[in-house]
Amino acid sequence: MDFKTKAKEYLVKLQNFPDQQKKIILWTIVVILGLIMAFFWFKVAVGRLSKISSEAQSIQNIKIEFPQVEAPDIIPATGSQMIK
């Protein structure tokens, strides 16, 4: 017996099941496919995050050099220039 014949027989058998069993089988398949998709999504996400973290570690911080500025000399105020 080949695969097509077995698949057709299984589908005919499923069509004869009561609606409650059909719903259980359908939701079981949906849950299994959802878990498989979540597993692969998680695996890809972890890979991308590790790639981002390794690239972030290779980035060097920018070093900014500020020029040394001397403080201006303070000129003492004379009595005539003082504000009262």
PDB file of N, CA and C in Angstrom:
ATOM      1  N   MET A   1       0.838  -1.176   0.000  1.00  0.00           N
ATOM      2  CA  MET A   1       0.000   0.000   0.000  1.00  0.00           C
ATOM      3  C   MET A   1       0.888   1.246   0.000  1.00  0.00           C
ATOM      4  N   ASP A   2       0.583   2.188  -0.859  1.00  0.00           N
ATOM      5  CA  ASP A   2       1.380   3.418  -0.907  1.00  0.00           C
ATOM      6  C   ASP A   2       0.782   4.478   0.019  1.00  0.00           C
ATOM      7  N   PHE A   3       1.470   5.577   0.086  1.00  0.00           N
ATOM      8  CA  PHE A   3       1.090   6.650   1.023  1.00  0.00           C
ATOM      9  C   PHE A   3      -0.269   7.256   0.671  1.00  0.00           C
ATOM     10  N   LYS A   4      -0.542   7.453  -0.618  1.00  0.00           N
ATOM     11  CA  LYS A   4      -1.812   8.079  -1.021  1.00  0.00           C
ATOM     12  C   LYS A   4      -3.005   7.226  -0.604  1.00  0.00           C
ATOM     13  N   THR A   5      -2.882   5.939  -0.763  1.00  0.00           N
ATOM     14  CA  THR A   5      -3.982   5.048  -0.400  1.00  0.00           C
ATOM     15  C   THR A   5      -4.214   5.068   1.108  1.00  0.00           C
ATOM     16  N   LYS A   6      -3.139   5.036   1.873  1.00  0.00           N
ATOM     17  CA  LYS A   6      -3.269   5.083   3.333  1.00  0.00           C
ATOM     18  C   LYS A   6      -3.868   6.411   3.782  1.00  0.00           C
ATOM     19  N   ALA A   7      -3.446   7.507   3.147  1.00  0.00           N
ATOM     20  CA  ALA A   7      -3.965   8.821   3.516  1.00  0.00           C
ATOM     21  C   ALA A   7      -5.455   8.906   3.213  1.00  0.00           C
ATOM     22  N   LYS A   8      -5.875   8.399   2.070  1.00  0.00           N
ATOM     23  CA  LYS A   8      -7.303   8.430   1.709  1.00  0.00           C
ATOM     24  C   LYS A   8      -8.134   7.603   2.697  1.00  0.00           C
ATOM     25  N   GLU A   9      -7.626   6.427   3.061  1.00  0.00           N
ATOM     26  CA  GLU A   9      -8.344   5.585   4.020  1.00  0.00           C
ATOM     27  C   GLU A   9      -8.471   6.274   5.376  1.00  0.00           C
ATOM     28  N   TYR A  10      -7.397   6.951   5.787  1.00  0.00           N
ATOM     29  CA  TYR A  10      -7.417   7.650   7.071  1.00  0.00           C
ATOM     30  C   TYR A  10      -8.410   8.812   7.043  1.00  0.00           C
ATOM     31  N   LEU A  11      -8.455   9.538   5.916  1.00  0.00           N
ATOM     32  CA  LEU A  11      -9.406  10.652   5.804  1.00  0.00           C
ATOM     33  C   LEU A  11     -10.849  10.156   5.827  1.00  0.00           C
ATOM     34  N   VAL A  12     -11.113   9.040   5.170  1.00  0.00           N
ATOM     35  CA  VAL A  12     -12.465   8.469   5.202  1.00  0.00           C
ATOM     36  C   VAL A  12     -12.821   8.062   6.631  1.00  0.00           C
ATOM     37  N   LYS A  13     -11.847   7.488   7.331  1.00  0.00           N
ATOM     38  CA  LYS A  13     -12.071   7.088   8.721  1.00  0.00           C
ATOM     39  C   LYS A  13     -12.350   8.315   9.596  1.00  0.00           C
ATOM     40  N   LEU A  14     -11.603   9.414   9.350  1.00  0.00           N
ATOM     41  CA  LEU A  14     -11.828  10.645  10.114  1.00  0.00           C
ATOM     42  C   LEU A  14     -13.207  11.240   9.841  1.00  0.00           C
ATOM     43  N   GLN A  15     -13.669  11.137   8.610  1.00  0.00           N
ATOM     44  CA  GLN A  15     -14.985  11.693   8.267  1.00  0.00           C
ATOM     45  C   GLN A  15     -16.108  10.977   8.998  1.00  0.00           C
ATOM     46  N   ASN A  16     -15.886   9.745   9.382  1.00  0.00           N
ATOM     47  CA  ASN A  16     -16.920   8.979  10.078  1.00  0.00           C
ATOM     48  C   ASN A  16     -16.905   9.188  11.590  1.00  0.00           C
ATOM     49  N   PHE A  17     -15.899   9.909  12.110  1.00  0.00           N
ATOM     50  CA  PHE A  17     -15.839  10.189  13.546  1.00  0.00           C
ATOM     51  C   PHE A  17     -16.932  11.184  13.924  1.00  0.00           C
ATOM     52  N   PRO A  18     -17.373  11.138  15.197  1.00  0.00           N
ATOM     53  CA  PRO A  18     -18.330  12.160  15.666  1.00  0.00           C
ATOM     54  C   PRO A  18     -17.643  13.541  15.713  1.00  0.00           C
ATOM     55  N   ASP A  19     -18.466  14.586  15.691  1.00  0.00           N
ATOM     56  CA  ASP A  19     -17.936  15.958  15.655  1.00  0.00           C
ATOM     57  C   ASP A  19     -17.028  16.260  16.844  1.00  0.00           C
ATOM     58  N   GLN A  20     -17.344  15.743  18.022  1.00  0.00           N
ATOM     59  CA  GLN A  20     -16.524  16.001  19.210  1.00  0.00           C
ATOM     60  C   GLN A  20     -15.099  15.473  19.004  1.00  0.00           C
ATOM     61  N   GLN A  21     -14.966  14.282  18.468  1.00  0.00           N
ATOM     62  CA  GLN A  21     -13.637  13.711  18.220  1.00  0.00           C
ATOM     63  C   GLN A  21     -12.898  14.485  17.135  1.00  0.00           C
ATOM     64  N   LYS A  22     -13.615  14.947  16.125  1.00  0.00           N
ATOM     65  CA  LYS A  22     -12.992  15.742  15.058  1.00  0.00           C
ATOM     66  C   LYS A  22     -12.401  17.033  15.634  1.00  0.00           C
ATOM     67  N   LYS A  23     -13.149  17.668  16.543  1.00  0.00           N
ATOM     68  CA  LYS A  23     -12.665  18.905  17.164  1.00  0.00           C
ATOM     69  C   LYS A  23     -11.432  18.640  18.017  1.00  0.00           C
ATOM     70  N   ILE A  24     -11.439  17.550  18.754  1.00  0.00           N
ATOM     71  CA  ILE A  24     -10.285  17.207  19.588  1.00  0.00           C
ATOM     72  C   ILE A  24      -9.056  16.971  18.713  1.00  0.00           C
ATOM     73  N   ILE A  25      -9.210  16.232  17.639  1.00  0.00           N
ATOM     74  CA  ILE A  25      -8.092  15.963  16.731  1.00  0.00           C
ATOM     75  C   ILE A  25      -7.600  17.260  16.101  1.00  0.00           C
ATOM     76  N   LEU A  26      -8.525  18.121  15.665  1.00  0.00           N
ATOM     77  CA  LEU A  26      -8.145  19.395  15.045  1.00  0.00           C
ATOM     78  C   LEU A  26      -7.351  20.269  16.013  1.00  0.00           C
ATOM     79  N   TRP A  27      -7.853  20.424  17.243  1.00  0.00           N
ATOM     80  CA  TRP A  27      -7.160  21.283  18.213  1.00  0.00           C
ATOM     81  C   TRP A  27      -5.826  20.680  18.656  1.00  0.00           C
ATOM     82  N   THR A  28      -5.756  19.350  18.690  1.00  0.00           N
ATOM     83  CA  THR A  28      -4.474  18.714  19.000  1.00  0.00           C
ATOM     84  C   THR A  28      -3.444  19.036  17.928  1.00  0.00           C
ATOM     85  N   ILE A  29      -3.851  18.965  16.674  1.00  0.00           N
ATOM     86  CA  ILE A  29      -2.949  19.292  15.563  1.00  0.00           C
ATOM     87  C   ILE A  29      -2.544  20.759  15.619  1.00  0.00           C
ATOM     88  N   VAL A  30      -3.496  21.645  15.903  1.00  0.00           N
ATOM     89  CA  VAL A  30      -3.202  23.077  15.984  1.00  0.00           C
ATOM     90  C   VAL A  30      -2.202  23.361  17.112  1.00  0.00           C
ATOM     91  N   VAL A  31      -2.393  22.750  18.258  1.00  0.00           N
ATOM     92  CA  VAL A  31      -1.488  22.959  19.395  1.00  0.00           C
ATOM     93  C   VAL A  31      -0.091  22.433  19.074  1.00  0.00           C
ATOM     94  N   ILE A  32      -0.014  21.257  18.468  1.00  0.00           N
ATOM     95  CA  ILE A  32       1.297  20.684  18.122  1.00  0.00           C
ATOM     96  C   ILE A  32       2.017  21.580  17.119  1.00  0.00           C
ATOM     97  N   LEU A  33       1.319  22.044  16.090  1.00  0.00           N
ATOM     98  CA  LEU A  33       1.942  22.940  15.107  1.00  0.00           C
ATOM     99  C   LEU A  33       2.353  24.261  15.755  1.00  0.00           C
ATOM    100  N   GLY A  34       1.541  24.766  16.673  1.00  0.00           N
ATOM    101  CA  GLY A  34       1.894  26.002  17.385  1.00  0.00           C
ATOM    102  C   GLY A  34       3.150  25.836  18.220  1.00  0.00           C
ATOM    103  N   LEU A  35       3.276  24.706  18.895  1.00  0.00           N
ATOM    104  CA  LEU A  35       4.479  24.441  19.699  1.00  0.00           C
ATOM    105  C   LEU A  35       5.722  24.315  18.819  1.00  0.00           C
ATOM    106  N   ILE A  36       5.568  23.662  17.686  1.00  0.00           N
ATOM    107  CA  ILE A  36       6.698  23.529  16.763  1.00  0.00           C
ATOM    108  C   ILE A  36       7.122  24.897  16.245  1.00  0.00           C
ATOM    109  N   MET A  37       6.149  25.719  15.869  1.00  0.00           N
ATOM    110  CA  MET A  37       6.474  27.073  15.378  1.00  0.00           C
ATOM    111  C   MET A  37       7.114  27.915  16.474  1.00  0.00           C
ATOM    112  N   ALA A  38       6.620  27.803  17.693  1.00  0.00           N
ATOM    113  CA  ALA A  38       7.192  28.563  18.811  1.00  0.00           C
ATOM    114  C   ALA A  38       8.627  28.124  19.079  1.00  0.00           C
ATOM    115  N   PHE A  39       8.887  26.832  18.985  1.00  0.00           N
ATOM    116  CA  PHE A  39      10.238  26.321  19.189  1.00  0.00           C
ATOM    117  C   PHE A  39      11.204  26.913  18.168  1.00  0.00           C
ATOM    118  N   PHE A  40      10.829  26.887  16.887  1.00  0.00           N
ATOM    119  CA  PHE A  40      11.721  27.422  15.862  1.00  0.00           C
ATOM    120  C   PHE A  40      11.864  28.934  15.970  1.00  0.00           C
ATOM    121  N   TRP A  41      10.785  29.632  16.325  1.00  0.00           N
ATOM    122  CA  TRP A  41      10.875  31.084  16.509  1.00  0.00           C
ATOM    123  C   TRP A  41      11.834  31.407  17.646  1.00  0.00           C
ATOM    124  N   PHE A  42      11.725  30.667  18.745  1.00  0.00           N
ATOM    125  CA  PHE A  42      12.602  30.892  19.898  1.00  0.00           C
ATOM    126  C   PHE A  42      14.057  30.627  19.532  1.00  0.00           C
ATOM    127  N   LYS A  43      14.283  29.554  18.780  1.00  0.00           N
ATOM    128  CA  LYS A  43      15.635  29.202  18.366  1.00  0.00           C
ATOM    129  C   LYS A  43      16.240  30.303  17.493  1.00  0.00           C
ATOM    130  N   VAL A  44      15.465  30.830  16.551  1.00  0.00           N
ATOM    131  CA  VAL A  44      15.947  31.905  15.678  1.00  0.00           C
ATOM    132  C   VAL A  44      16.170  33.178  16.489  1.00  0.00           C
ATOM    133  N   ALA A  45      15.264  33.493  17.401  1.00  0.00           N
ATOM    134  CA  ALA A  45      15.391  34.709  18.210  1.00  0.00           C
ATOM    135  C   ALA A  45      16.636  34.661  19.087  1.00  0.00           C
ATOM    136  N   VAL A  46      16.925  33.523  19.681  1.00  0.00           N
ATOM    137  CA  VAL A  46      18.122  33.386  20.514  1.00  0.00           C
ATOM    138  C   VAL A  46      19.374  33.562  19.663  1.00  0.00           C
ATOM    139  N   GLY A  47      19.371  32.993  18.476  1.00  0.00           N
ATOM    140  CA  GLY A  47      20.514  33.140  17.574  1.00  0.00           C
ATOM    141  C   GLY A  47      20.748  34.581  17.184  1.00  0.00           C
ATOM    142  N   ARG A  48      19.672  35.290  16.876  1.00  0.00           N
ATOM    143  CA  ARG A  48      19.807  36.702  16.491  1.00  0.00           C
ATOM    144  C   ARG A  48      20.269  37.553  17.670  1.00  0.00           C
ATOM    145  N   LEU A  49      19.748  37.282  18.859  1.00  0.00           N
ATOM    146  CA  LEU A  49      20.159  38.056  20.032  1.00  0.00           C
ATOM    147  C   LEU A  49      21.631  37.820  20.372  1.00  0.00           C
ATOM    148  N   SER A  50      22.097  36.600  20.228  1.00  0.00           N
ATOM    149  CA  SER A  50      23.505  36.341  20.512  1.00  0.00           C
ATOM    150  C   SER A  50      24.393  37.008  19.468  1.00  0.00           C
ATOM    151  N   LYS A  51      23.914  37.066  18.228  1.00  0.00           N
ATOM    152  CA  LYS A  51      24.673  37.753  17.179  1.00  0.00           C
ATOM    153  C   LYS A  51      24.744  39.250  17.468  1.00  0.00           C
ATOM    154  N   ILE A  52      23.633  39.823  17.915  1.00  0.00           N
ATOM    155  CA  ILE A  52      23.610  41.245  18.249  1.00  0.00           C
ATOM    156  C   ILE A  52      24.535  41.532  19.425  1.00  0.00           C
ATOM    157  N   SER A  53      24.520  40.663  20.441  1.00  0.00           N
ATOM    158  CA  SER A  53      25.369  40.911  21.612  1.00  0.00           C
ATOM    159  C   SER A  53      26.849  40.780  21.260  1.00  0.00           C
ATOM    160  N   SER A  54      27.193  39.851  20.375  1.00  0.00           N
ATOM    161  CA  SER A  54      28.602  39.727  19.992  1.00  0.00           C
ATOM    162  C   SER A  54      29.045  40.926  19.157  1.00  0.00           C
ATOM    163  N   GLU A  55      28.153  41.453  18.323  1.00  0.00           N
ATOM    164  CA  GLU A  55      28.488  42.645  17.546  1.00  0.00           C
ATOM    165  C   GLU A  55      28.567  43.877  18.447  1.00  0.00           C
ATOM    166  N   ALA A  56      27.727  43.937  19.461  1.00  0.00           N
ATOM    167  CA  ALA A  56      27.743  45.083  20.370  1.00  0.00           C
ATOM    168  C   ALA A  56      29.028  45.103  21.194  1.00  0.00           C
ATOM    169  N   GLN A  57      29.558  43.945  21.522  1.00  0.00           N
ATOM    170  CA  GLN A  57      30.800  43.895  22.288  1.00  0.00           C
ATOM    171  C   GLN A  57      31.989  44.341  21.444  1.00  0.00           C
ATOM    172  N   SER A  58      31.886  44.196  20.129  1.00  0.00           N
ATOM    173  CA  SER A  58      33.010  44.578  19.282  1.00  0.00           C
ATOM    174  C   SER A  58      33.036  46.087  19.000  1.00  0.00           C
ATOM    175  N   ILE A  59      31.970  46.782  19.334  1.00  0.00           N
ATOM    176  CA  ILE A  59      31.938  48.233  19.125  1.00  0.00           C
ATOM    177  C   ILE A  59      32.764  48.906  20.207  1.00  0.00           C
ATOM    178  N   GLN A  60      33.654  49.783  19.788  1.00  0.00           N
ATOM    179  CA  GLN A  60      34.488  50.490  20.753  1.00  0.00           C
ATOM    180  C   GLN A  60      33.824  51.817  21.102  1.00  0.00           C
ATOM    181  N   ASN A  61      33.991  52.203  22.349  1.00  0.00           N
ATOM    182  CA  ASN A  61      33.428  53.477  22.798  1.00  0.00           C
ATOM    183  C   ASN A  61      34.175  54.628  22.143  1.00  0.00           C
ATOM    184  N   ILE A  62      33.462  55.676  21.846  1.00  0.00           N
ATOM    185  CA  ILE A  62      34.061  56.864  21.259  1.00  0.00           C
ATOM    186  C   ILE A  62      34.739  57.662  22.366  1.00  0.00           C
ATOM    187  N   LYS A  63      35.968  58.034  22.134  1.00  0.00           N
ATOM    188  CA  LYS A  63      36.700  58.825  23.123  1.00  0.00           C
ATOM    189  C   LYS A  63      36.742  60.261  22.625  1.00  0.00           C
ATOM    190  N   ILE A  64      36.219  61.155  23.415  1.00  0.00           N
ATOM    191  CA  ILE A  64      36.195  62.570  23.073  1.00  0.00           C
ATOM    192  C   ILE A  64      37.238  63.280  23.911  1.00  0.00           C
ATOM    193  N   GLU A  65      38.108  63.992  23.245  1.00  0.00           N
ATOM    194  CA  GLU A  65      39.139  64.736  23.964  1.00  0.00           C
ATOM    195  C   GLU A  65      38.731  66.205  24.001  1.00  0.00           C
ATOM    196  N   PHE A  66      38.731  66.734  25.203  1.00  0.00           N
ATOM    197  CA  PHE A  66      38.400  68.141  25.375  1.00  0.00           C
ATOM    198  C   PHE A  66      39.706  68.927  25.530  1.00  0.00           C
ATOM    199  N   PRO A  67      39.798  70.089  24.897  1.00  0.00           N
ATOM    200  CA  PRO A  67      41.023  70.886  25.040  1.00  0.00           C
ATOM    201  C   PRO A  67      41.124  71.463  26.447  1.00  0.00           C
ATOM    202  N   GLN A  68      42.352  71.615  26.906  1.00  0.00           N
ATOM    203  CA  GLN A  68      42.580  72.190  28.221  1.00  0.00           C
ATOM    204  C   GLN A  68      42.497  73.711  28.105  1.00  0.00           C
ATOM    205  N   VAL A  69      41.570  74.283  28.806  1.00  0.00           N
ATOM    206  CA  VAL A  69      41.371  75.731  28.775  1.00  0.00           C
ATOM    207  C   VAL A  69      41.764  76.290  30.129  1.00  0.00           C
ATOM    208  N   GLU A  70      42.586  77.299  30.076  1.00  0.00           N
ATOM    209  CA  GLU A  70      43.003  77.921  31.339  1.00  0.00           C
ATOM    210  C   GLU A  70      41.931  78.892  31.791  1.00  0.00           C
ATOM    211  N   ALA A  71      41.781  79.001  33.090  1.00  0.00           N
ATOM    212  CA  ALA A  71      40.803  79.919  33.649  1.00  0.00           C
ATOM    213  C   ALA A  71      41.295  81.351  33.441  1.00  0.00           C
ATOM    214  N   PRO A  72      40.384  82.247  33.072  1.00  0.00           N
ATOM    215  CA  PRO A  72      40.813  83.635  32.855  1.00  0.00           C
ATOM    216  C   PRO A  72      41.241  84.275  34.176  1.00  0.00           C
ATOM    217  N   ASP A  73      42.158  85.202  34.057  1.00  0.00           N
ATOM    218  CA  ASP A  73      42.591  85.932  35.256  1.00  0.00           C
ATOM    219  C   ASP A  73      41.460  86.828  35.725  1.00  0.00           C
ATOM    220  N   ILE A  74      41.248  86.837  37.033  1.00  0.00           N
ATOM    221  CA  ILE A  74      40.179  87.669  37.594  1.00  0.00           C
ATOM    222  C   ILE A  74      40.787  89.028  37.933  1.00  0.00           C
ATOM    223  N   ILE A  75      40.164  90.033  37.373  1.00  0.00           N
ATOM    224  CA  ILE A  75      40.623  91.394  37.625  1.00  0.00           C
ATOM    225  C   ILE A  75      39.844  91.940  38.816  1.00  0.00           C
ATOM    226  N   PRO A  76      40.551  92.349  39.869  1.00  0.00           N
ATOM    227  CA  PRO A  76      39.814  92.869  41.040  1.00  0.00           C
ATOM    228  C   PRO A  76      39.122  94.178  40.696  1.00  0.00           C
ATOM    229  N   ALA A  77      37.902  94.303  41.167  1.00  0.00           N
ATOM    230  CA  ALA A  77      37.148  95.544  40.907  1.00  0.00           C
ATOM    231  C   ALA A  77      37.638  96.648  41.805  1.00  0.00           C
ATOM    232  N   THR A  78      37.734  97.843  41.248  1.00  0.00           N
ATOM    233  CA  THR A  78      38.137  98.996  42.049  1.00  0.00           C
ATOM    234  C   THR A  78      36.904  99.606  42.685  1.00  0.00           C
ATOM    235  N   GLY A  79      37.087 100.479  43.586  1.00  0.00           N
ATOM    236  CA  GLY A  79      35.977 101.108  44.304  1.00  0.00           C
ATOM    237  C   GLY A  79      35.040 101.862  43.392  1.00  0.00           C
ATOM    238  N   SER A  80      35.564 102.463  42.323  1.00  0.00           N
ATOM    239  CA  SER A  80      34.684 103.262  41.449  1.00  0.00           C
ATOM    240  C   SER A  80      33.852 102.363  40.553  1.00  0.00           C
ATOM    241  N   GLN A  81      34.290 101.134  40.333  1.00  0.00           N
ATOM    242  CA  GLN A  81      33.547 100.259  39.457  1.00  0.00           C
ATOM    243  C   GLN A  81      32.553  99.380  40.211  1.00  0.00           C
ATOM    244  N   MET A  82      32.566  99.405  41.518  1.00  0.00           N
ATOM    245  CA  MET A  82      31.669  98.564  42.305  1.00  0.00           C
ATOM    246  C   MET A  82      30.253  99.103  42.244  1.00  0.00           C
ATOM    247  N   ILE A  83      29.328  98.241  42.162  1.00  0.00           N
ATOM    248  CA  ILE A  83      27.924  98.620  42.130  1.00  0.00           C
ATOM    249  C   ILE A  83      27.394  98.612  43.548  1.00  0.00           C
ATOM    250  N   LYS A  84      26.668  99.640  43.863  1.00  0.00           N
ATOM    251  CA  LYS A  84      26.115  99.745  45.212  1.00  0.00           C
ATOM    252  C   LYS A  84      24.690  99.325  45.233  1.00  0.00           C
TER     253      LYS A  84
END
